Amino acid sequence: MINLGNLSPNKGANRQRKRLGRGPGTGHGKTAGRGHKGFKSRSGSGIKPGFEGGQMPLQRRLPKRGFTNINTIKYSIVSLSQLDSLEAGVEVNSTSLVEQGMAKKGLPVKILANGVINIAITVTVAKVSAGAKVKIEAAGGKVVEAATK
C-alpha cells in the first residue's frame, strides 16, 4: 500500500545536478561548459536589464522632461457643498470627515470653495482656500487652520 512514508518519484524523473569544474572525467571540467573566451565565459557576465546588444537603450532614447518634487504634500480635498450636508453648529475636523467618508484617512484635509454653504460650522483642518474661508465666515461659521504633520 502506498502512503506518505513510502512515496518515491518515478524512475528518471529526478536527475542529479550538473557539477561543473570538477576535472576532465566529469565531462564538465576545465571551462565548465562556458567555452573559450568571450563575454559569457567571464565571471560577472550576464546581460543586464535594459541592455539591447549595444544599441542605444530605450531608457536613453526617450526624452526626459519635467520634475517631480519629493516634498509635495498631498491633500484630501473636501468641497463646501459636501460640508453643507452636515448639521449646523457642529465642529468639523479631519477625523470627523474621515469617519463620514468625505476625506481619505492619513492625508491632511483641504477645504475648497466649490459650491455654497448655508450653515454655521467650526472647521479645524490643515488648509482652507481663501474663497472657502470667506464663504464659511459669511454663513456664520469659524475657520481654524491646524498644523500639518
N, C-alpha and C. Protein backbone atom coordinates (compact mmCIF):
# COMPACT_ATOMS: atom_id res chain seq x y z
N MET A 1 0.84 -1.18 0.00
CA MET A 1 0.00 0.00 0.00
C MET A 1 0.89 1.25 0.00
N ILE A 2 0.52 2.27 -0.81
CA ILE A 2 1.30 3.50 -0.90
C ILE A 2 0.75 4.51 0.09
N ASN A 3 1.65 5.08 0.87
CA ASN A 3 1.27 6.18 1.75
C ASN A 3 2.41 7.20 1.76
N LEU A 4 2.27 8.26 2.53
CA LEU A 4 3.27 9.34 2.52
C LEU A 4 4.65 8.86 2.95
N GLY A 5 4.73 7.81 3.73
CA GLY A 5 6.01 7.33 4.22
C GLY A 5 6.83 6.59 3.18
N ASN A 6 6.20 6.07 2.13
CA ASN A 6 6.97 5.31 1.15
C ASN A 6 6.82 5.81 -0.29
N LEU A 7 6.42 7.08 -0.46
CA LEU A 7 6.34 7.65 -1.81
C LEU A 7 7.72 7.87 -2.37
N SER A 8 7.88 7.66 -3.66
CA SER A 8 9.14 7.96 -4.33
C SER A 8 8.83 8.41 -5.75
N PRO A 9 9.69 9.26 -6.32
CA PRO A 9 9.42 9.74 -7.67
C PRO A 9 9.58 8.62 -8.70
N ASN A 10 8.97 8.82 -9.88
CA ASN A 10 9.10 7.84 -10.96
C ASN A 10 10.55 7.72 -11.40
N LYS A 11 10.90 6.60 -11.94
CA LYS A 11 12.27 6.38 -12.41
C LYS A 11 12.57 7.35 -13.55
N GLY A 12 13.69 8.07 -13.43
CA GLY A 12 14.10 9.03 -14.45
C GLY A 12 13.52 10.43 -14.25
N ALA A 13 12.64 10.60 -13.26
CA ALA A 13 12.03 11.91 -13.04
C ALA A 13 13.03 12.88 -12.40
N ASN A 14 13.87 12.40 -11.51
CA ASN A 14 14.86 13.24 -10.85
C ASN A 14 16.25 12.95 -11.41
N ARG A 15 16.94 14.04 -11.78
CA ARG A 15 18.30 13.87 -12.28
C ARG A 15 19.25 14.59 -11.35
N GLN A 16 20.49 14.10 -11.28
CA GLN A 16 21.49 14.78 -10.47
C GLN A 16 21.90 16.07 -11.14
N ARG A 17 22.23 17.10 -10.33
CA ARG A 17 22.63 18.37 -10.91
C ARG A 17 24.00 18.23 -11.56
N LYS A 18 24.25 19.13 -12.52
CA LYS A 18 25.50 19.13 -13.25
C LYS A 18 26.57 19.75 -12.38
N ARG A 19 27.60 18.99 -11.94
CA ARG A 19 28.67 19.52 -11.10
C ARG A 19 29.78 20.02 -12.01
N LEU A 20 29.90 21.34 -12.10
CA LEU A 20 30.83 21.95 -13.06
C LEU A 20 32.22 22.12 -12.48
N GLY A 21 33.19 22.06 -13.35
CA GLY A 21 34.57 22.34 -12.97
C GLY A 21 35.17 21.32 -12.03
N ARG A 22 34.86 20.06 -12.20
CA ARG A 22 35.37 19.01 -11.30
C ARG A 22 36.26 18.00 -12.04
N GLY A 23 37.03 18.50 -13.01
CA GLY A 23 38.01 17.64 -13.68
C GLY A 23 37.51 17.09 -15.01
N PRO A 24 38.45 16.54 -15.81
CA PRO A 24 38.11 16.07 -17.16
C PRO A 24 37.21 14.84 -17.16
N GLY A 25 37.22 14.05 -16.11
CA GLY A 25 36.41 12.83 -16.08
C GLY A 25 34.91 13.10 -16.06
N THR A 26 34.49 14.28 -15.61
CA THR A 26 33.06 14.58 -15.49
C THR A 26 32.44 15.00 -16.81
N GLY A 27 33.28 15.44 -17.75
CA GLY A 27 32.73 15.99 -18.99
C GLY A 27 32.40 17.46 -18.87
N HIS A 28 32.54 17.99 -17.66
CA HIS A 28 32.26 19.42 -17.46
C HIS A 28 33.43 20.07 -16.75
N GLY A 29 34.64 19.62 -16.99
CA GLY A 29 35.82 20.17 -16.34
C GLY A 29 36.36 21.35 -17.12
N LYS A 30 37.51 21.81 -16.75
CA LYS A 30 38.24 22.91 -17.39
C LYS A 30 37.38 24.16 -17.55
N THR A 31 36.68 24.35 -18.66
CA THR A 31 35.92 25.59 -18.88
C THR A 31 34.51 25.51 -18.30
N ALA A 32 34.13 24.36 -17.77
CA ALA A 32 32.85 24.17 -17.09
C ALA A 32 31.65 24.51 -17.97
N GLY A 33 31.73 24.15 -19.25
CA GLY A 33 30.58 24.34 -20.14
C GLY A 33 30.42 25.76 -20.65
N ARG A 34 31.41 26.64 -20.36
CA ARG A 34 31.29 28.03 -20.80
C ARG A 34 32.01 28.31 -22.10
N GLY A 35 32.75 27.35 -22.62
CA GLY A 35 33.52 27.59 -23.85
C GLY A 35 34.76 28.40 -23.57
N HIS A 36 35.45 28.81 -24.64
CA HIS A 36 36.69 29.58 -24.50
C HIS A 36 36.44 31.04 -24.79
N LYS A 37 36.96 31.92 -23.93
CA LYS A 37 36.91 33.37 -24.12
C LYS A 37 35.49 33.90 -24.33
N GLY A 38 35.40 35.19 -24.48
CA GLY A 38 34.11 35.82 -24.75
C GLY A 38 33.40 36.26 -23.49
N PHE A 39 32.39 37.10 -23.70
CA PHE A 39 31.66 37.73 -22.60
C PHE A 39 31.02 36.72 -21.67
N LYS A 40 30.41 35.69 -22.24
CA LYS A 40 29.66 34.72 -21.40
C LYS A 40 30.58 33.77 -20.65
N SER A 41 31.87 33.75 -20.98
CA SER A 41 32.78 32.86 -20.26
C SER A 41 33.32 33.52 -18.99
N ARG A 42 33.19 34.83 -18.89
CA ARG A 42 33.78 35.56 -17.78
C ARG A 42 32.86 35.54 -16.55
N SER A 43 33.48 35.68 -15.39
CA SER A 43 32.66 35.80 -14.19
C SER A 43 32.04 37.19 -14.17
N GLY A 44 30.87 37.30 -13.60
CA GLY A 44 30.19 38.58 -13.56
C GLY A 44 29.48 38.92 -14.85
N SER A 45 29.53 38.01 -15.82
CA SER A 45 28.85 38.30 -17.08
C SER A 45 27.36 38.02 -16.91
N GLY A 46 26.64 38.33 -17.89
CA GLY A 46 25.18 38.17 -17.87
C GLY A 46 24.58 39.48 -18.32
N ILE A 47 23.64 39.41 -19.22
CA ILE A 47 23.07 40.62 -19.80
C ILE A 47 22.26 41.36 -18.75
N LYS A 48 22.57 42.63 -18.57
CA LYS A 48 21.90 43.44 -17.57
C LYS A 48 20.53 43.89 -18.08
N PRO A 49 19.60 44.18 -17.19
CA PRO A 49 18.29 44.66 -17.62
C PRO A 49 18.43 45.94 -18.43
N GLY A 50 17.75 46.00 -19.56
CA GLY A 50 17.79 47.19 -20.40
C GLY A 50 18.87 47.14 -21.47
N PHE A 51 19.78 46.15 -21.42
CA PHE A 51 20.83 46.07 -22.43
C PHE A 51 20.24 45.57 -23.74
N GLU A 52 20.55 46.28 -24.84
CA GLU A 52 19.96 45.93 -26.14
C GLU A 52 21.04 45.59 -27.15
N GLY A 53 22.08 44.90 -26.72
CA GLY A 53 23.11 44.44 -27.65
C GLY A 53 23.98 45.55 -28.18
N GLY A 54 24.14 46.63 -27.47
CA GLY A 54 24.98 47.72 -27.92
C GLY A 54 24.17 48.85 -28.53
N GLN A 55 22.95 48.56 -28.95
CA GLN A 55 22.06 49.63 -29.44
C GLN A 55 21.74 50.56 -28.28
N MET A 56 21.50 51.82 -28.58
CA MET A 56 21.17 52.80 -27.53
C MET A 56 19.89 52.33 -26.82
N PRO A 57 19.93 52.07 -25.52
CA PRO A 57 18.77 51.51 -24.83
C PRO A 57 17.58 52.45 -24.82
N LEU A 58 16.41 51.87 -24.69
CA LEU A 58 15.16 52.64 -24.75
C LEU A 58 15.13 53.74 -23.69
N GLN A 59 15.60 53.45 -22.48
CA GLN A 59 15.54 54.47 -21.43
C GLN A 59 16.45 55.65 -21.72
N ARG A 60 17.39 55.50 -22.63
CA ARG A 60 18.24 56.63 -23.02
C ARG A 60 17.74 57.29 -24.31
N ARG A 61 16.95 56.57 -25.10
CA ARG A 61 16.41 57.14 -26.34
C ARG A 61 15.22 58.06 -26.08
N LEU A 62 14.47 57.79 -25.01
CA LEU A 62 13.28 58.58 -24.73
C LEU A 62 13.64 59.93 -24.13
N PRO A 63 12.90 60.99 -24.50
CA PRO A 63 13.21 62.31 -23.94
C PRO A 63 12.84 62.40 -22.46
N LYS A 64 13.63 63.14 -21.73
CA LYS A 64 13.37 63.35 -20.31
C LYS A 64 12.78 64.74 -20.14
N ARG A 65 11.65 64.83 -19.42
CA ARG A 65 11.02 66.13 -19.22
C ARG A 65 10.47 66.23 -17.81
N GLY A 66 10.43 67.43 -17.30
CA GLY A 66 9.73 67.68 -16.06
C GLY A 66 10.56 67.38 -14.82
N PHE A 67 9.86 67.49 -13.70
CA PHE A 67 10.50 67.36 -12.40
C PHE A 67 9.43 66.92 -11.42
N THR A 68 9.74 65.98 -10.55
CA THR A 68 8.81 65.54 -9.52
C THR A 68 9.36 65.94 -8.16
N ASN A 69 8.63 66.81 -7.49
CA ASN A 69 9.06 67.29 -6.19
C ASN A 69 8.75 66.22 -5.14
N ILE A 70 9.77 65.73 -4.45
CA ILE A 70 9.56 64.67 -3.46
C ILE A 70 8.98 65.21 -2.16
N ASN A 71 8.98 66.53 -1.99
CA ASN A 71 8.46 67.13 -0.77
C ASN A 71 7.01 67.61 -0.89
N THR A 72 6.33 67.25 -1.98
CA THR A 72 4.95 67.68 -2.19
C THR A 72 4.04 67.06 -1.13
N ILE A 73 3.16 67.88 -0.57
CA ILE A 73 2.18 67.37 0.39
C ILE A 73 0.88 67.11 -0.35
N LYS A 74 0.39 65.90 -0.30
CA LYS A 74 -0.88 65.55 -0.94
C LYS A 74 -1.99 65.79 0.07
N TYR A 75 -3.04 66.46 -0.38
CA TYR A 75 -4.18 66.76 0.48
C TYR A 75 -5.40 65.97 0.05
N SER A 76 -6.26 65.67 1.00
CA SER A 76 -7.56 65.11 0.72
C SER A 76 -8.51 66.30 0.56
N ILE A 77 -9.13 66.41 -0.61
CA ILE A 77 -9.93 67.59 -0.95
C ILE A 77 -11.38 67.40 -0.52
N VAL A 78 -11.93 68.41 0.16
CA VAL A 78 -13.34 68.42 0.55
C VAL A 78 -13.92 69.74 0.07
N SER A 79 -15.09 69.69 -0.59
CA SER A 79 -15.71 70.92 -1.09
C SER A 79 -16.78 71.41 -0.12
N LEU A 80 -17.14 72.69 -0.25
CA LEU A 80 -18.14 73.29 0.63
C LEU A 80 -19.51 72.64 0.46
N SER A 81 -19.81 72.19 -0.76
CA SER A 81 -21.11 71.54 -0.99
C SER A 81 -21.23 70.25 -0.18
N GLN A 82 -20.11 69.58 0.09
CA GLN A 82 -20.12 68.38 0.93
C GLN A 82 -20.37 68.77 2.40
N LEU A 83 -19.75 69.87 2.84
CA LEU A 83 -19.91 70.32 4.23
C LEU A 83 -21.32 70.83 4.49
N ASP A 84 -22.03 71.29 3.45
CA ASP A 84 -23.37 71.83 3.61
C ASP A 84 -24.37 70.77 4.05
N SER A 85 -24.02 69.48 3.83
CA SER A 85 -24.93 68.39 4.22
C SER A 85 -24.84 68.07 5.72
N LEU A 86 -23.88 68.68 6.44
CA LEU A 86 -23.71 68.44 7.88
C LEU A 86 -24.72 69.26 8.69
N GLU A 87 -24.84 68.94 9.98
CA GLU A 87 -25.74 69.68 10.88
C GLU A 87 -25.11 71.02 11.26
N ALA A 88 -25.97 72.00 11.53
CA ALA A 88 -25.49 73.33 11.90
C ALA A 88 -24.88 73.29 13.31
N GLY A 89 -23.83 74.10 13.51
CA GLY A 89 -23.19 74.22 14.81
C GLY A 89 -22.22 73.10 15.14
N VAL A 90 -22.05 72.14 14.26
CA VAL A 90 -21.16 71.01 14.54
C VAL A 90 -19.70 71.43 14.31
N GLU A 91 -18.79 70.80 15.03
CA GLU A 91 -17.36 71.07 14.85
C GLU A 91 -16.78 70.04 13.88
N VAL A 92 -16.19 70.53 12.80
CA VAL A 92 -15.66 69.66 11.74
C VAL A 92 -14.15 69.64 11.82
N ASN A 93 -13.56 68.43 11.89
CA ASN A 93 -12.12 68.28 11.80
C ASN A 93 -11.80 67.11 10.88
N SER A 94 -10.51 66.86 10.64
CA SER A 94 -10.14 65.82 9.67
C SER A 94 -10.62 64.44 10.11
N THR A 95 -10.61 64.16 11.40
CA THR A 95 -11.06 62.85 11.90
C THR A 95 -12.54 62.64 11.62
N SER A 96 -13.37 63.67 11.87
CA SER A 96 -14.81 63.53 11.64
C SER A 96 -15.10 63.41 10.15
N LEU A 97 -14.32 64.08 9.31
CA LEU A 97 -14.52 63.99 7.86
C LEU A 97 -14.16 62.60 7.33
N VAL A 98 -13.13 61.99 7.91
CA VAL A 98 -12.75 60.62 7.52
C VAL A 98 -13.86 59.64 7.92
N GLU A 99 -14.40 59.81 9.13
CA GLU A 99 -15.47 58.93 9.61
C GLU A 99 -16.71 59.00 8.73
N GLN A 100 -16.99 60.20 8.18
CA GLN A 100 -18.17 60.37 7.33
C GLN A 100 -17.89 60.06 5.87
N GLY A 101 -16.63 59.67 5.54
CA GLY A 101 -16.30 59.26 4.19
C GLY A 101 -16.04 60.41 3.23
N MET A 102 -15.85 61.61 3.74
CA MET A 102 -15.61 62.77 2.88
C MET A 102 -14.13 62.96 2.58
N ALA A 103 -13.25 62.44 3.46
CA ALA A 103 -11.81 62.60 3.28
C ALA A 103 -11.12 61.25 3.41
N LYS A 104 -9.91 61.17 2.85
CA LYS A 104 -9.13 59.94 2.92
C LYS A 104 -8.33 59.91 4.21
N LYS A 105 -8.23 58.73 4.79
CA LYS A 105 -7.50 58.56 6.05
C LYS A 105 -6.00 58.73 5.81
N GLY A 106 -5.33 59.40 6.73
CA GLY A 106 -3.88 59.54 6.67
C GLY A 106 -3.39 60.74 5.87
N LEU A 107 -4.30 61.49 5.22
CA LEU A 107 -3.90 62.67 4.47
C LEU A 107 -4.44 63.92 5.15
N PRO A 108 -3.67 65.03 5.10
CA PRO A 108 -4.22 66.28 5.63
C PRO A 108 -5.37 66.75 4.74
N VAL A 109 -6.32 67.47 5.32
CA VAL A 109 -7.54 67.86 4.60
C VAL A 109 -7.44 69.31 4.16
N LYS A 110 -7.91 69.59 2.92
CA LYS A 110 -8.00 70.96 2.42
C LYS A 110 -9.43 71.20 1.97
N ILE A 111 -10.00 72.32 2.39
CA ILE A 111 -11.37 72.68 2.02
C ILE A 111 -11.31 73.66 0.86
N LEU A 112 -12.05 73.34 -0.22
CA LEU A 112 -12.12 74.23 -1.39
C LEU A 112 -13.50 74.85 -1.48
N ALA A 113 -13.58 76.00 -2.17
CA ALA A 113 -14.82 76.78 -2.23
C ALA A 113 -15.74 76.32 -3.35
N ASN A 114 -15.85 75.02 -3.60
CA ASN A 114 -16.77 74.50 -4.61
C ASN A 114 -18.16 74.40 -4.00
N GLY A 115 -19.13 75.10 -4.57
CA GLY A 115 -20.49 75.05 -4.05
C GLY A 115 -20.72 76.15 -3.02
N VAL A 116 -21.87 76.03 -2.33
CA VAL A 116 -22.24 77.03 -1.32
C VAL A 116 -22.45 76.35 0.01
N ILE A 117 -22.38 77.16 1.08
CA ILE A 117 -22.63 76.63 2.43
C ILE A 117 -23.58 77.59 3.13
N ASN A 118 -24.63 77.05 3.73
CA ASN A 118 -25.66 77.87 4.36
C ASN A 118 -25.76 77.64 5.87
N ILE A 119 -24.86 76.83 6.42
CA ILE A 119 -24.92 76.52 7.85
C ILE A 119 -23.67 77.04 8.55
N ALA A 120 -23.81 77.34 9.84
CA ALA A 120 -22.67 77.83 10.62
C ALA A 120 -21.97 76.64 11.26
N ILE A 121 -20.73 76.39 10.83
CA ILE A 121 -19.94 75.29 11.40
C ILE A 121 -18.54 75.80 11.75
N THR A 122 -17.88 75.10 12.66
CA THR A 122 -16.49 75.41 13.00
C THR A 122 -15.61 74.38 12.31
N VAL A 123 -14.70 74.85 11.49
CA VAL A 123 -13.85 73.96 10.68
C VAL A 123 -12.42 74.03 11.20
N THR A 124 -11.84 72.86 11.57
CA THR A 124 -10.45 72.78 12.01
C THR A 124 -9.74 71.76 11.13
N VAL A 125 -9.09 72.24 10.08
CA VAL A 125 -8.38 71.36 9.13
C VAL A 125 -7.02 71.96 8.79
N ALA A 126 -6.23 71.23 7.99
CA ALA A 126 -4.88 71.67 7.66
C ALA A 126 -4.87 72.92 6.79
N LYS A 127 -5.73 72.97 5.77
CA LYS A 127 -5.75 74.10 4.84
C LYS A 127 -7.17 74.43 4.46
N VAL A 128 -7.42 75.72 4.22
CA VAL A 128 -8.71 76.20 3.72
C VAL A 128 -8.40 77.25 2.67
N SER A 129 -9.01 77.13 1.48
CA SER A 129 -8.78 78.13 0.45
C SER A 129 -9.38 79.46 0.89
N ALA A 130 -8.88 80.55 0.31
CA ALA A 130 -9.33 81.89 0.70
C ALA A 130 -10.82 82.06 0.42
N GLY A 131 -11.28 81.55 -0.73
CA GLY A 131 -12.70 81.66 -1.08
C GLY A 131 -13.58 80.88 -0.13
N ALA A 132 -13.12 79.69 0.27
CA ALA A 132 -13.89 78.86 1.20
C ALA A 132 -13.98 79.53 2.57
N LYS A 133 -12.89 80.16 2.99
CA LYS A 133 -12.86 80.83 4.29
C LYS A 133 -13.88 81.96 4.32
N VAL A 134 -13.94 82.73 3.24
CA VAL A 134 -14.89 83.84 3.14
C VAL A 134 -16.33 83.33 3.21
N LYS A 135 -16.63 82.25 2.47
CA LYS A 135 -17.99 81.70 2.43
C LYS A 135 -18.41 81.11 3.77
N ILE A 136 -17.49 80.42 4.45
CA ILE A 136 -17.81 79.81 5.75
C ILE A 136 -18.09 80.91 6.79
N GLU A 137 -17.25 81.95 6.80
CA GLU A 137 -17.44 83.04 7.76
C GLU A 137 -18.68 83.87 7.44
N ALA A 138 -19.03 83.98 6.14
CA ALA A 138 -20.24 84.70 5.74
C ALA A 138 -21.50 83.95 6.21
N ALA A 139 -21.40 82.62 6.31
CA ALA A 139 -22.53 81.80 6.77
C ALA A 139 -22.60 81.76 8.29
N GLY A 140 -21.67 82.44 8.98
CA GLY A 140 -21.68 82.48 10.44
C GLY A 140 -20.77 81.44 11.08
N GLY A 141 -19.93 80.80 10.28
CA GLY A 141 -19.03 79.77 10.80
C GLY A 141 -17.68 80.33 11.20
N LYS A 142 -16.79 79.43 11.59
CA LYS A 142 -15.46 79.82 12.05
C LYS A 142 -14.43 78.87 11.44
N VAL A 143 -13.25 79.40 11.06
CA VAL A 143 -12.21 78.60 10.43
C VAL A 143 -10.96 78.63 11.30
N VAL A 144 -10.43 77.43 11.63
CA VAL A 144 -9.18 77.31 12.36
C VAL A 144 -8.27 76.39 11.54
N GLU A 145 -7.10 76.90 11.15
CA GLU A 145 -6.18 76.07 10.38
C GLU A 145 -5.23 75.36 11.33
N ALA A 146 -5.31 74.02 11.33
CA ALA A 146 -4.44 73.20 12.20
C ALA A 146 -3.11 72.98 11.48
N ALA A 147 -2.07 72.71 12.24
CA ALA A 147 -0.75 72.45 11.66
C ALA A 147 -0.76 71.08 11.00
N THR A 148 -0.07 70.97 9.84
CA THR A 148 0.06 69.68 9.16
C THR A 148 1.15 68.88 9.83
N LYS A 149 1.24 67.61 9.47
CA LYS A 149 2.21 66.69 10.09
C LYS A 149 3.62 67.18 9.95
